[in-house]
Amino acid sequence: MSDELDRELMEIFSAAHAADAASDASFIAQAEQRLQQARGVRRVMRWSAALLLLALVTALAPYVIEASVGLSDRFAGFLRDPWGWVVSIALGAWIVLRARSGVRLR
């Protein structure tokens, strides 16, 4: 093989490598730009979801508090009733038995 052919082959390879390097740089720049845009969209979506959830909680809070107070008054009245005592004793016994289910008494 002559050195002439090797030089021509090397020139062809170096020219192809230079063209690939330029297209690689272009591809990397486009990929970085798309990644930045995707990050920006995710950030906007995350903040939008957080603000929407905050608005929803703020709008529903008075109704939840009102229901909680109403149920609390009813529950307190039920516990002053003899049937409330029976239910609370049964519930307490069930909780104690359930909590001690793995413990053996000697």
PDB file of N, CA and C in Angstrom:
ATOM      1  N   MET A   1       0.839  -1.163   0.000  1.00  0.00           N
ATOM      2  CA  MET A   1       0.000   0.000   0.000  1.00  0.00           C
ATOM      3  C   MET A   1       0.892   1.238   0.000  1.00  0.00           C
ATOM      4  N   SER A   2       0.512   2.224  -0.745  1.00  0.00           N
ATOM      5  CA  SER A   2       1.347   3.415  -0.832  1.00  0.00           C
ATOM      6  C   SER A   2       0.928   4.416   0.230  1.00  0.00           C
ATOM      7  N   ASP A   3       1.837   5.332   0.544  1.00  0.00           N
ATOM      8  CA  ASP A   3       1.557   6.395   1.503  1.00  0.00           C
ATOM      9  C   ASP A   3       0.523   7.363   0.957  1.00  0.00           C
ATOM     10  N   GLU A   4       0.455   7.491  -0.376  1.00  0.00           N
ATOM     11  CA  GLU A   4      -0.525   8.372  -1.025  1.00  0.00           C
ATOM     12  C   GLU A   4      -1.936   7.958  -0.656  1.00  0.00           C
ATOM     13  N   LEU A   5      -2.224   6.686  -0.759  1.00  0.00           N
ATOM     14  CA  LEU A   5      -3.566   6.196  -0.449  1.00  0.00           C
ATOM     15  C   LEU A   5      -3.894   6.395   1.031  1.00  0.00           C
ATOM     16  N   ASP A   6      -2.889   6.204   1.845  1.00  0.00           N
ATOM     17  CA  ASP A   6      -3.118   6.374   3.282  1.00  0.00           C
ATOM     18  C   ASP A   6      -3.418   7.841   3.604  1.00  0.00           C
ATOM     19  N   ARG A   7      -2.708   8.766   2.943  1.00  0.00           N
ATOM     20  CA  ARG A   7      -2.965  10.190   3.195  1.00  0.00           C
ATOM     21  C   ARG A   7      -4.365  10.563   2.734  1.00  0.00           C
ATOM     22  N   GLU A   8      -4.756  10.081   1.573  1.00  0.00           N
ATOM     23  CA  GLU A   8      -6.098  10.385   1.083  1.00  0.00           C
ATOM     24  C   GLU A   8      -7.164   9.816   2.002  1.00  0.00           C
ATOM     25  N   LEU A   9      -6.919   8.606   2.466  1.00  0.00           N
ATOM     26  CA  LEU A   9      -7.863   7.974   3.377  1.00  0.00           C
ATOM     27  C   LEU A   9      -7.947   8.759   4.682  1.00  0.00           C
ATOM     28  N   MET A  10      -6.816   9.195   5.183  1.00  0.00           N
ATOM     29  CA  MET A  10      -6.791   9.982   6.419  1.00  0.00           C
ATOM     30  C   MET A  10      -7.506  11.320   6.234  1.00  0.00           C
ATOM     31  N   GLU A  11      -7.339  11.944   5.069  1.00  0.00           N
ATOM     32  CA  GLU A  11      -8.033  13.199   4.812  1.00  0.00           C
ATOM     33  C   GLU A  11      -9.543  12.991   4.767  1.00  0.00           C
ATOM     34  N   ILE A  12      -9.950  11.886   4.155  1.00  0.00           N
ATOM     35  CA  ILE A  12     -11.389  11.589   4.091  1.00  0.00           C
ATOM     36  C   ILE A  12     -11.939  11.383   5.503  1.00  0.00           C
ATOM     37  N   PHE A  13     -11.217  10.608   6.313  1.00  0.00           N
ATOM     38  CA  PHE A  13     -11.674  10.363   7.674  1.00  0.00           C
ATOM     39  C   PHE A  13     -11.680  11.635   8.521  1.00  0.00           C
ATOM     40  N   SER A  14     -10.651  12.464   8.378  1.00  0.00           N
ATOM     41  CA  SER A  14     -10.596  13.702   9.171  1.00  0.00           C
ATOM     42  C   SER A  14     -11.697  14.674   8.743  1.00  0.00           C
ATOM     43  N   ALA A  15     -12.016  14.725   7.447  1.00  0.00           N
ATOM     44  CA  ALA A  15     -13.102  15.594   6.988  1.00  0.00           C
ATOM     45  C   ALA A  15     -14.448  15.089   7.516  1.00  0.00           C
ATOM     46  N   ALA A  16     -14.631  13.779   7.501  1.00  0.00           N
ATOM     47  CA  ALA A  16     -15.883  13.214   8.013  1.00  0.00           C
ATOM     48  C   ALA A  16     -15.997  13.462   9.512  1.00  0.00           C
ATOM     49  N   HIS A  17     -14.880  13.348  10.227  1.00  0.00           N
ATOM     50  CA  HIS A  17     -14.899  13.577  11.671  1.00  0.00           C
ATOM     51  C   HIS A  17     -15.214  15.037  11.987  1.00  0.00           C
ATOM     52  N   ALA A  18     -14.677  15.970  11.205  1.00  0.00           N
ATOM     53  CA  ALA A  18     -14.956  17.395  11.407  1.00  0.00           C
ATOM     54  C   ALA A  18     -16.440  17.686  11.160  1.00  0.00           C
ATOM     55  N   ALA A  19     -17.029  17.062  10.153  1.00  0.00           N
ATOM     56  CA  ALA A  19     -18.457  17.276   9.867  1.00  0.00           C
ATOM     57  C   ALA A  19     -19.313  16.690  10.978  1.00  0.00           C
ATOM     58  N   ASP A  20     -18.914  15.516  11.500  1.00  0.00           N
ATOM     59  CA  ASP A  20     -19.653  14.908  12.613  1.00  0.00           C
ATOM     60  C   ASP A  20     -19.552  15.758  13.868  1.00  0.00           C
ATOM     61  N   ALA A  21     -18.380  16.334  14.097  1.00  0.00           N
ATOM     62  CA  ALA A  21     -18.195  17.171  15.282  1.00  0.00           C
ATOM     63  C   ALA A  21     -19.119  18.386  15.224  1.00  0.00           C
ATOM     64  N   ALA A  22     -19.276  18.974  14.054  1.00  0.00           N
ATOM     65  CA  ALA A  22     -20.164  20.131  13.906  1.00  0.00           C
ATOM     66  C   ALA A  22     -21.618  19.721  14.140  1.00  0.00           C
ATOM     67  N   SER A  23     -22.023  18.574  13.579  1.00  0.00           N
ATOM     68  CA  SER A  23     -23.403  18.138  13.781  1.00  0.00           C
ATOM     69  C   SER A  23     -23.623  17.693  15.220  1.00  0.00           C
ATOM     70  N   ASP A  24     -22.586  17.126  15.861  1.00  0.00           N
ATOM     71  CA  ASP A  24     -22.698  16.752  17.272  1.00  0.00           C
ATOM     72  C   ASP A  24     -22.912  17.983  18.142  1.00  0.00           C
ATOM     73  N   ALA A  25     -22.172  19.043  17.875  1.00  0.00           N
ATOM     74  CA  ALA A  25     -22.323  20.272  18.657  1.00  0.00           C
ATOM     75  C   ALA A  25     -23.723  20.852  18.468  1.00  0.00           C
ATOM     76  N   SER A  26     -24.223  20.814  17.247  1.00  0.00           N
ATOM     77  CA  SER A  26     -25.563  21.310  16.975  1.00  0.00           C
ATOM     78  C   SER A  26     -26.606  20.476  17.711  1.00  0.00           C
ATOM     79  N   PHE A  27     -26.438  19.151  17.675  1.00  0.00           N
ATOM     80  CA  PHE A  27     -27.365  18.259  18.371  1.00  0.00           C
ATOM     81  C   PHE A  27     -27.351  18.515  19.869  1.00  0.00           C
ATOM     82  N   ILE A  28     -26.172  18.667  20.437  1.00  0.00           N
ATOM     83  CA  ILE A  28     -26.048  18.905  21.881  1.00  0.00           C
ATOM     84  C   ILE A  28     -26.700  20.229  22.258  1.00  0.00           C
ATOM     85  N   ALA A  29     -26.500  21.261  21.447  1.00  0.00           N
ATOM     86  CA  ALA A  29     -27.114  22.558  21.729  1.00  0.00           C
ATOM     87  C   ALA A  29     -28.644  22.460  21.685  1.00  0.00           C
ATOM     88  N   GLN A  30     -29.172  21.743  20.687  1.00  0.00           N
ATOM     89  CA  GLN A  30     -30.628  21.572  20.606  1.00  0.00           C
ATOM     90  C   GLN A  30     -31.162  20.761  21.777  1.00  0.00           C
ATOM     91  N   ALA A  31     -30.434  19.714  22.172  1.00  0.00           N
ATOM     92  CA  ALA A  31     -30.869  18.881  23.297  1.00  0.00           C
ATOM     93  C   ALA A  31     -30.877  19.689  24.589  1.00  0.00           C
ATOM     94  N   GLU A  32     -29.844  20.499  24.800  1.00  0.00           N
ATOM     95  CA  GLU A  32     -29.800  21.339  25.999  1.00  0.00           C
ATOM     96  C   GLU A  32     -30.949  22.344  26.006  1.00  0.00           C
ATOM     97  N   GLN A  33     -31.261  22.910  24.853  1.00  0.00           N
ATOM     98  CA  GLN A  33     -32.360  23.867  24.766  1.00  0.00           C
ATOM     99  C   GLN A  33     -33.692  23.179  25.097  1.00  0.00           C
ATOM    100  N   ARG A  34     -33.912  21.973  24.560  1.00  0.00           N
ATOM    101  CA  ARG A  34     -35.150  21.240  24.853  1.00  0.00           C
ATOM    102  C   ARG A  34     -35.242  20.870  26.332  1.00  0.00           C
ATOM    103  N   LEU A  35     -34.099  20.497  26.931  1.00  0.00           N
ATOM    104  CA  LEU A  35     -34.101  20.172  28.356  1.00  0.00           C
ATOM    105  C   LEU A  35     -34.444  21.395  29.205  1.00  0.00           C
ATOM    106  N   GLN A  36     -33.891  22.537  28.848  1.00  0.00           N
ATOM    107  CA  GLN A  36     -34.201  23.768  29.579  1.00  0.00           C
ATOM    108  C   GLN A  36     -35.678  24.121  29.460  1.00  0.00           C
ATOM    109  N   GLN A  37     -36.234  23.971  28.260  1.00  0.00           N
ATOM    110  CA  GLN A  37     -37.657  24.251  28.069  1.00  0.00           C
ATOM    111  C   GLN A  37     -38.514  23.280  28.880  1.00  0.00           C
ATOM    112  N   ALA A  38     -38.140  22.011  28.901  1.00  0.00           N
ATOM    113  CA  ALA A  38     -38.898  21.016  29.665  1.00  0.00           C
ATOM    114  C   ALA A  38     -38.830  21.318  31.157  1.00  0.00           C
ATOM    115  N   ARG A  39     -37.676  21.720  31.639  1.00  0.00           N
ATOM    116  CA  ARG A  39     -37.540  22.083  33.059  1.00  0.00           C
ATOM    117  C   ARG A  39     -38.422  23.289  33.387  1.00  0.00           C
ATOM    118  N   GLY A  40     -38.437  24.255  32.481  1.00  0.00           N
ATOM    119  CA  GLY A  40     -39.280  25.430  32.701  1.00  0.00           C
ATOM    120  C   GLY A  40     -40.756  25.074  32.740  1.00  0.00           C
ATOM    121  N   VAL A  41     -41.177  24.205  31.838  1.00  0.00           N
ATOM    122  CA  VAL A  41     -42.589  23.785  31.814  1.00  0.00           C
ATOM    123  C   VAL A  41     -42.926  23.032  33.090  1.00  0.00           C
ATOM    124  N   ARG A  42     -42.033  22.135  33.525  1.00  0.00           N
ATOM    125  CA  ARG A  42     -42.288  21.392  34.776  1.00  0.00           C
ATOM    126  C   ARG A  42     -42.370  22.335  35.963  1.00  0.00           C
ATOM    127  N   ARG A  43     -41.506  23.333  36.013  1.00  0.00           N
ATOM    128  CA  ARG A  43     -41.516  24.295  37.117  1.00  0.00           C
ATOM    129  C   ARG A  43     -42.834  25.068  37.141  1.00  0.00           C
ATOM    130  N   VAL A  44     -43.276  25.523  35.972  1.00  0.00           N
ATOM    131  CA  VAL A  44     -44.543  26.262  35.889  1.00  0.00           C
ATOM    132  C   VAL A  44     -45.711  25.367  36.300  1.00  0.00           C
ATOM    133  N   MET A  45     -45.716  24.126  35.830  1.00  0.00           N
ATOM    134  CA  MET A  45     -46.797  23.197  36.183  1.00  0.00           C
ATOM    135  C   MET A  45     -46.810  22.910  37.687  1.00  0.00           C
ATOM    136  N   ARG A  46     -45.634  22.738  38.270  1.00  0.00           N
ATOM    137  CA  ARG A  46     -45.539  22.467  39.704  1.00  0.00           C
ATOM    138  C   ARG A  46     -46.087  23.641  40.520  1.00  0.00           C
ATOM    139  N   TRP A  47     -45.684  24.853  40.170  1.00  0.00           N
ATOM    140  CA  TRP A  47     -46.167  26.025  40.894  1.00  0.00           C
ATOM    141  C   TRP A  47     -47.661  26.244  40.655  1.00  0.00           C
ATOM    142  N   SER A  48     -48.126  25.974  39.454  1.00  0.00           N
ATOM    143  CA  SER A  48     -49.556  26.125  39.165  1.00  0.00           C
ATOM    144  C   SER A  48     -50.378  25.141  39.997  1.00  0.00           C
ATOM    145  N   ALA A  49     -49.908  23.909  40.080  1.00  0.00           N
ATOM    146  CA  ALA A  49     -50.616  22.909  40.885  1.00  0.00           C
ATOM    147  C   ALA A  49     -50.620  23.296  42.362  1.00  0.00           C
ATOM    148  N   ALA A  50     -49.499  23.815  42.851  1.00  0.00           N
ATOM    149  CA  ALA A  50     -49.425  24.231  44.252  1.00  0.00           C
ATOM    150  C   ALA A  50     -50.377  25.392  44.526  1.00  0.00           C
ATOM    151  N   LEU A  51     -50.429  26.358  43.639  1.00  0.00           N
ATOM    152  CA  LEU A  51     -51.326  27.501  43.829  1.00  0.00           C
ATOM    153  C   LEU A  51     -52.794  27.084  43.722  1.00  0.00           C
ATOM    154  N   LEU A  52     -53.094  26.174  42.814  1.00  0.00           N
ATOM    155  CA  LEU A  52     -54.460  25.670  42.690  1.00  0.00           C
ATOM    156  C   LEU A  52     -54.880  24.918  43.949  1.00  0.00           C
ATOM    157  N   LEU A  53     -53.989  24.096  44.479  1.00  0.00           N
ATOM    158  CA  LEU A  53     -54.288  23.370  45.715  1.00  0.00           C
ATOM    159  C   LEU A  53     -54.460  24.331  46.887  1.00  0.00           C
ATOM    160  N   LEU A  54     -53.634  25.354  46.950  1.00  0.00           N
ATOM    161  CA  LEU A  54     -53.752  26.360  48.007  1.00  0.00           C
ATOM    162  C   LEU A  54     -55.090  27.085  47.920  1.00  0.00           C
ATOM    163  N   ALA A  55     -55.511  27.449  46.722  1.00  0.00           N
ATOM    164  CA  ALA A  55     -56.800  28.115  46.543  1.00  0.00           C
ATOM    165  C   ALA A  55     -57.949  27.196  46.933  1.00  0.00           C
ATOM    166  N   LEU A  56     -57.852  25.916  46.580  1.00  0.00           N
ATOM    167  CA  LEU A  56     -58.894  24.954  46.930  1.00  0.00           C
ATOM    168  C   LEU A  56     -58.998  24.772  48.440  1.00  0.00           C
ATOM    169  N   VAL A  57     -57.865  24.642  49.094  1.00  0.00           N
ATOM    170  CA  VAL A  57     -57.865  24.485  50.554  1.00  0.00           C
ATOM    171  C   VAL A  57     -58.411  25.736  51.223  1.00  0.00           C
ATOM    172  N   THR A  58     -58.032  26.892  50.727  1.00  0.00           N
ATOM    173  CA  THR A  58     -58.527  28.144  51.296  1.00  0.00           C
ATOM    174  C   THR A  58     -60.038  28.271  51.122  1.00  0.00           C
ATOM    175  N   ALA A  59     -60.553  27.840  49.986  1.00  0.00           N
ATOM    176  CA  ALA A  59     -61.993  27.939  49.741  1.00  0.00           C
ATOM    177  C   ALA A  59     -62.786  26.942  50.587  1.00  0.00           C
ATOM    178  N   LEU A  60     -62.224  25.762  50.807  1.00  0.00           N
ATOM    179  CA  LEU A  60     -62.956  24.724  51.537  1.00  0.00           C
ATOM    180  C   LEU A  60     -62.756  24.759  53.047  1.00  0.00           C
ATOM    181  N   ALA A  61     -61.769  25.472  53.538  1.00  0.00           N
ATOM    182  CA  ALA A  61     -61.448  25.484  54.967  1.00  0.00           C
ATOM    183  C   ALA A  61     -62.625  25.885  55.854  1.00  0.00           C
ATOM    184  N   PRO A  62     -63.368  26.941  55.552  1.00  0.00           N
ATOM    185  CA  PRO A  62     -64.474  27.301  56.456  1.00  0.00           C
ATOM    186  C   PRO A  62     -65.530  26.187  56.566  1.00  0.00           C
ATOM    187  N   TYR A  63     -65.809  25.497  55.467  1.00  0.00           N
ATOM    188  CA  TYR A  63     -66.809  24.432  55.497  1.00  0.00           C
ATOM    189  C   TYR A  63     -66.316  23.228  56.294  1.00  0.00           C
ATOM    190  N   VAL A  64     -65.038  22.918  56.168  1.00  0.00           N
ATOM    191  CA  VAL A  64     -64.465  21.796  56.918  1.00  0.00           C
ATOM    192  C   VAL A  64     -64.454  22.110  58.408  1.00  0.00           C
ATOM    193  N   ILE A  65     -64.110  23.338  58.769  1.00  0.00           N
ATOM    194  CA  ILE A  65     -64.083  23.729  60.182  1.00  0.00           C
ATOM    195  C   ILE A  65     -65.495  23.703  60.761  1.00  0.00           C
ATOM    196  N   GLU A  66     -66.461  24.205  60.007  1.00  0.00           N
ATOM    197  CA  GLU A  66     -67.843  24.205  60.476  1.00  0.00           C
ATOM    198  C   GLU A  66     -68.352  22.776  60.695  1.00  0.00           C
ATOM    199  N   ALA A  67     -68.049  21.878  59.779  1.00  0.00           N
ATOM    200  CA  ALA A  67     -68.465  20.479  59.919  1.00  0.00           C
ATOM    201  C   ALA A  67     -67.769  19.826  61.099  1.00  0.00           C
ATOM    202  N   SER A  68     -66.524  20.137  61.306  1.00  0.00           N
ATOM    203  CA  SER A  68     -65.776  19.562  62.419  1.00  0.00           C
ATOM    204  C   SER A  68     -66.358  19.999  63.757  1.00  0.00           C
ATOM    205  N   VAL A  69     -66.678  21.279  63.872  1.00  0.00           N
ATOM    206  CA  VAL A  69     -67.265  21.781  65.122  1.00  0.00           C
ATOM    207  C   VAL A  69     -68.645  21.158  65.344  1.00  0.00           C
ATOM    208  N   GLY A  70     -69.437  21.051  64.292  1.00  0.00           N
ATOM    209  CA  GLY A  70     -70.759  20.443  64.417  1.00  0.00           C
ATOM    210  C   GLY A  70     -70.675  18.990  64.842  1.00  0.00           C
ATOM    211  N   LEU A  71     -69.783  18.244  64.237  1.00  0.00           N
ATOM    212  CA  LEU A  71     -69.616  16.838  64.614  1.00  0.00           C
ATOM    213  C   LEU A  71     -69.061  16.704  66.022  1.00  0.00           C
ATOM    214  N   SER A  72     -68.197  17.609  66.409  1.00  0.00           N
ATOM    215  CA  SER A  72     -67.629  17.569  67.758  1.00  0.00           C
ATOM    216  C   SER A  72     -68.718  17.772  68.810  1.00  0.00           C
ATOM    217  N   ASP A  73     -69.621  18.715  68.565  1.00  0.00           N
ATOM    218  CA  ASP A  73     -70.721  18.938  69.509  1.00  0.00           C
ATOM    219  C   ASP A  73     -71.629  17.715  69.598  1.00  0.00           C
ATOM    220  N   ARG A  74     -71.946  17.118  68.465  1.00  0.00           N
ATOM    221  CA  ARG A  74     -72.792  15.919  68.465  1.00  0.00           C
ATOM    222  C   ARG A  74     -72.110  14.757  69.176  1.00  0.00           C
ATOM    223  N   PHE A  75     -70.813  14.590  68.910  1.00  0.00           N
ATOM    224  CA  PHE A  75     -70.075  13.497  69.536  1.00  0.00           C
ATOM    225  C   PHE A  75     -69.986  13.700  71.041  1.00  0.00           C
ATOM    226  N   ALA A  76     -69.767  14.922  71.485  1.00  0.00           N
ATOM    227  CA  ALA A  76     -69.709  15.193  72.928  1.00  0.00           C
ATOM    228  C   ALA A  76     -71.059  14.905  73.571  1.00  0.00           C
ATOM    229  N   GLY A  77     -72.157  15.269  72.895  1.00  0.00           N
ATOM    230  CA  GLY A  77     -73.488  14.960  73.422  1.00  0.00           C
ATOM    231  C   GLY A  77     -73.731  13.463  73.482  1.00  0.00           C
ATOM    232  N   PHE A  78     -73.248  12.731  72.492  1.00  0.00           N
ATOM    233  CA  PHE A  78     -73.415  11.276  72.472  1.00  0.00           C
ATOM    234  C   PHE A  78     -72.654  10.619  73.622  1.00  0.00           C
ATOM    235  N   LEU A  79     -71.472  11.131  73.945  1.00  0.00           N
ATOM    236  CA  LEU A  79     -70.688  10.530  75.018  1.00  0.00           C
ATOM    237  C   LEU A  79     -71.296  10.800  76.402  1.00  0.00           C
ATOM    238  N   ARG A  80     -72.151  11.803  76.542  1.00  0.00           N
ATOM    239  CA  ARG A  80     -72.825  12.060  77.821  1.00  0.00           C
ATOM    240  C   ARG A  80     -74.055  11.164  77.995  1.00  0.00           C
ATOM    241  N   ASP A  81     -74.466  10.535  76.930  1.00  0.00           N
ATOM    242  CA  ASP A  81     -75.622   9.649  76.943  1.00  0.00           C
ATOM    243  C   ASP A  81     -75.183   8.252  77.421  1.00  0.00           C
ATOM    244  N   PRO A  82     -76.060   7.491  78.123  1.00  0.00           N
ATOM    245  CA  PRO A  82     -75.684   6.138  78.557  1.00  0.00           C
ATOM    246  C   PRO A  82     -75.306   5.220  77.384  1.00  0.00           C
ATOM    247  N   TRP A  83     -75.957   5.370  76.227  1.00  0.00           N
ATOM    248  CA  TRP A  83     -75.574   4.563  75.073  1.00  0.00           C
ATOM    249  C   TRP A  83     -74.165   4.924  74.618  1.00  0.00           C
ATOM    250  N   GLY A  84     -73.791   6.141  74.767  1.00  0.00           N
ATOM    251  CA  GLY A  84     -72.432   6.567  74.441  1.00  0.00           C
ATOM    252  C   GLY A  84     -71.410   5.900  75.346  1.00  0.00           C
ATOM    253  N   TRP A  85     -71.783   5.731  76.632  1.00  0.00           N
ATOM    254  CA  TRP A  85     -70.889   5.043  77.562  1.00  0.00           C
ATOM    255  C   TRP A  85     -70.666   3.592  77.115  1.00  0.00           C
ATOM    256  N   VAL A  86     -71.783   2.946  76.758  1.00  0.00           N
ATOM    257  CA  VAL A  86     -71.687   1.541  76.330  1.00  0.00           C
ATOM    258  C   VAL A  86     -70.807   1.422  75.088  1.00  0.00           C
ATOM    259  N   VAL A  87     -71.027   2.288  74.130  1.00  0.00           N
ATOM    260  CA  VAL A  87     -70.235   2.237  72.903  1.00  0.00           C
ATOM    261  C   VAL A  87     -68.772   2.544  73.190  1.00  0.00           C
ATOM    262  N   SER A  88     -68.500   3.526  74.040  1.00  0.00           N
ATOM    263  CA  SER A  88     -67.109   3.880  74.319  1.00  0.00           C
ATOM    264  C   SER A  88     -66.404   2.772  75.095  1.00  0.00           C
ATOM    265  N   ILE A  89     -67.117   2.106  76.018  1.00  0.00           N
ATOM    266  CA  ILE A  89     -66.508   0.986  76.751  1.00  0.00           C
ATOM    267  C   ILE A  89     -66.207  -0.169  75.783  1.00  0.00           C
ATOM    268  N   ALA A  90     -67.153  -0.482  74.902  1.00  0.00           N
ATOM    269  CA  ALA A  90     -66.931  -1.564  73.932  1.00  0.00           C
ATOM    270  C   ALA A  90     -65.778  -1.216  72.993  1.00  0.00           C
ATOM    271  N   LEU A  91     -65.721  -0.010  72.525  1.00  0.00           N
ATOM    272  CA  LEU A  91     -64.639   0.419  71.640  1.00  0.00           C
ATOM    273  C   LEU A  91     -63.299   0.376  72.369  1.00  0.00           C
ATOM    274  N   GLY A  92     -63.275   0.839  73.609  1.00  0.00           N
ATOM    275  CA  GLY A  92     -62.043   0.794  74.409  1.00  0.00           C
ATOM    276  C   GLY A  92     -61.576  -0.633  74.633  1.00  0.00           C
ATOM    277  N   ALA A  93     -62.509  -1.543  74.932  1.00  0.00           N
ATOM    278  CA  ALA A  93     -62.140  -2.950  75.133  1.00  0.00           C
ATOM    279  C   ALA A  93     -61.586  -3.549  73.846  1.00  0.00           C
ATOM    280  N   TRP A  94     -62.228  -3.239  72.736  1.00  0.00           N
ATOM    281  CA  TRP A  94     -61.743  -3.749  71.450  1.00  0.00           C
ATOM    282  C   TRP A  94     -60.330  -3.251  71.152  1.00  0.00           C
ATOM    283  N   ILE A  95     -60.068  -1.974  71.438  1.00  0.00           N
ATOM    284  CA  ILE A  95     -58.737  -1.402  71.198  1.00  0.00           C
ATOM    285  C   ILE A  95     -57.695  -2.079  72.087  1.00  0.00           C
ATOM    286  N   VAL A  96     -58.034  -2.291  73.360  1.00  0.00           N
ATOM    287  CA  VAL A  96     -57.082  -2.929  74.279  1.00  0.00           C
ATOM    288  C   VAL A  96     -56.804  -4.362  73.841  1.00  0.00           C
ATOM    289  N   LEU A  97     -57.842  -5.111  73.490  1.00  0.00           N
ATOM    290  CA  LEU A  97     -57.642  -6.489  73.049  1.00  0.00           C
ATOM    291  C   LEU A  97     -56.852  -6.545  71.752  1.00  0.00           C
ATOM    292  N   ARG A  98     -57.105  -5.634  70.874  1.00  0.00           N
ATOM    293  CA  ARG A  98     -56.395  -5.612  69.592  1.00  0.00           C
ATOM    294  C   ARG A  98     -54.928  -5.244  69.799  1.00  0.00           C
ATOM    295  N   ALA A  99     -54.670  -4.324  70.711  1.00  0.00           N
ATOM    296  CA  ALA A  99     -53.300  -3.895  70.974  1.00  0.00           C
ATOM    297  C   ALA A  99     -52.509  -4.995  71.669  1.00  0.00           C
ATOM    298  N   ARG A 100     -53.171  -5.813  72.451  1.00  0.00           N
ATOM    299  CA  ARG A 100     -52.490  -6.867  73.205  1.00  0.00           C
ATOM    300  C   ARG A 100     -52.602  -8.218  72.507  1.00  0.00           C
ATOM    301  N   SER A 101     -52.969  -8.256  71.243  1.00  0.00           N
ATOM    302  CA  SER A 101     -53.202  -9.521  70.554  1.00  0.00           C
ATOM    303  C   SER A 101     -51.932 -10.374  70.474  1.00  0.00           C
ATOM    304  N   GLY A 102     -50.759  -9.762  70.412  1.00  0.00           N
ATOM    305  CA  GLY A 102     -49.516 -10.511  70.334  1.00  0.00           C
ATOM    306  C   GLY A 102     -48.912 -10.805  71.694  1.00  0.00           C
ATOM    307  N   VAL A 103     -49.531 -10.335  72.782  1.00  0.00           N
ATOM    308  CA  VAL A 103     -48.977 -10.510  74.116  1.00  0.00           C
ATOM    309  C   VAL A 103     -49.746 -11.634  74.809  1.00  0.00           C
ATOM    310  N   ARG A 104     -48.987 -12.565  75.401  1.00  0.00           N
ATOM    311  CA  ARG A 104     -49.630 -13.661  76.141  1.00  0.00           C
ATOM    312  C   ARG A 104     -49.649 -13.326  77.606  1.00  0.00           C
ATOM    313  N   LEU A 105     -50.776 -13.556  78.231  1.00  0.00           N
ATOM    314  CA  LEU A 105     -50.903 -13.347  79.667  1.00  0.00           C
ATOM    315  C   LEU A 105     -50.514 -14.653  80.360  1.00  0.00           C
ATOM    316  N   ARG A 106     -49.768 -14.581  81.457  1.00  0.00           N
ATOM    317  CA  ARG A 106     -49.372 -15.795  82.186  1.00  0.00           C
ATOM    318  C   ARG A 106     -50.136 -15.961  83.435  1.00  0.00           C
TER     319      ARG A 106
END
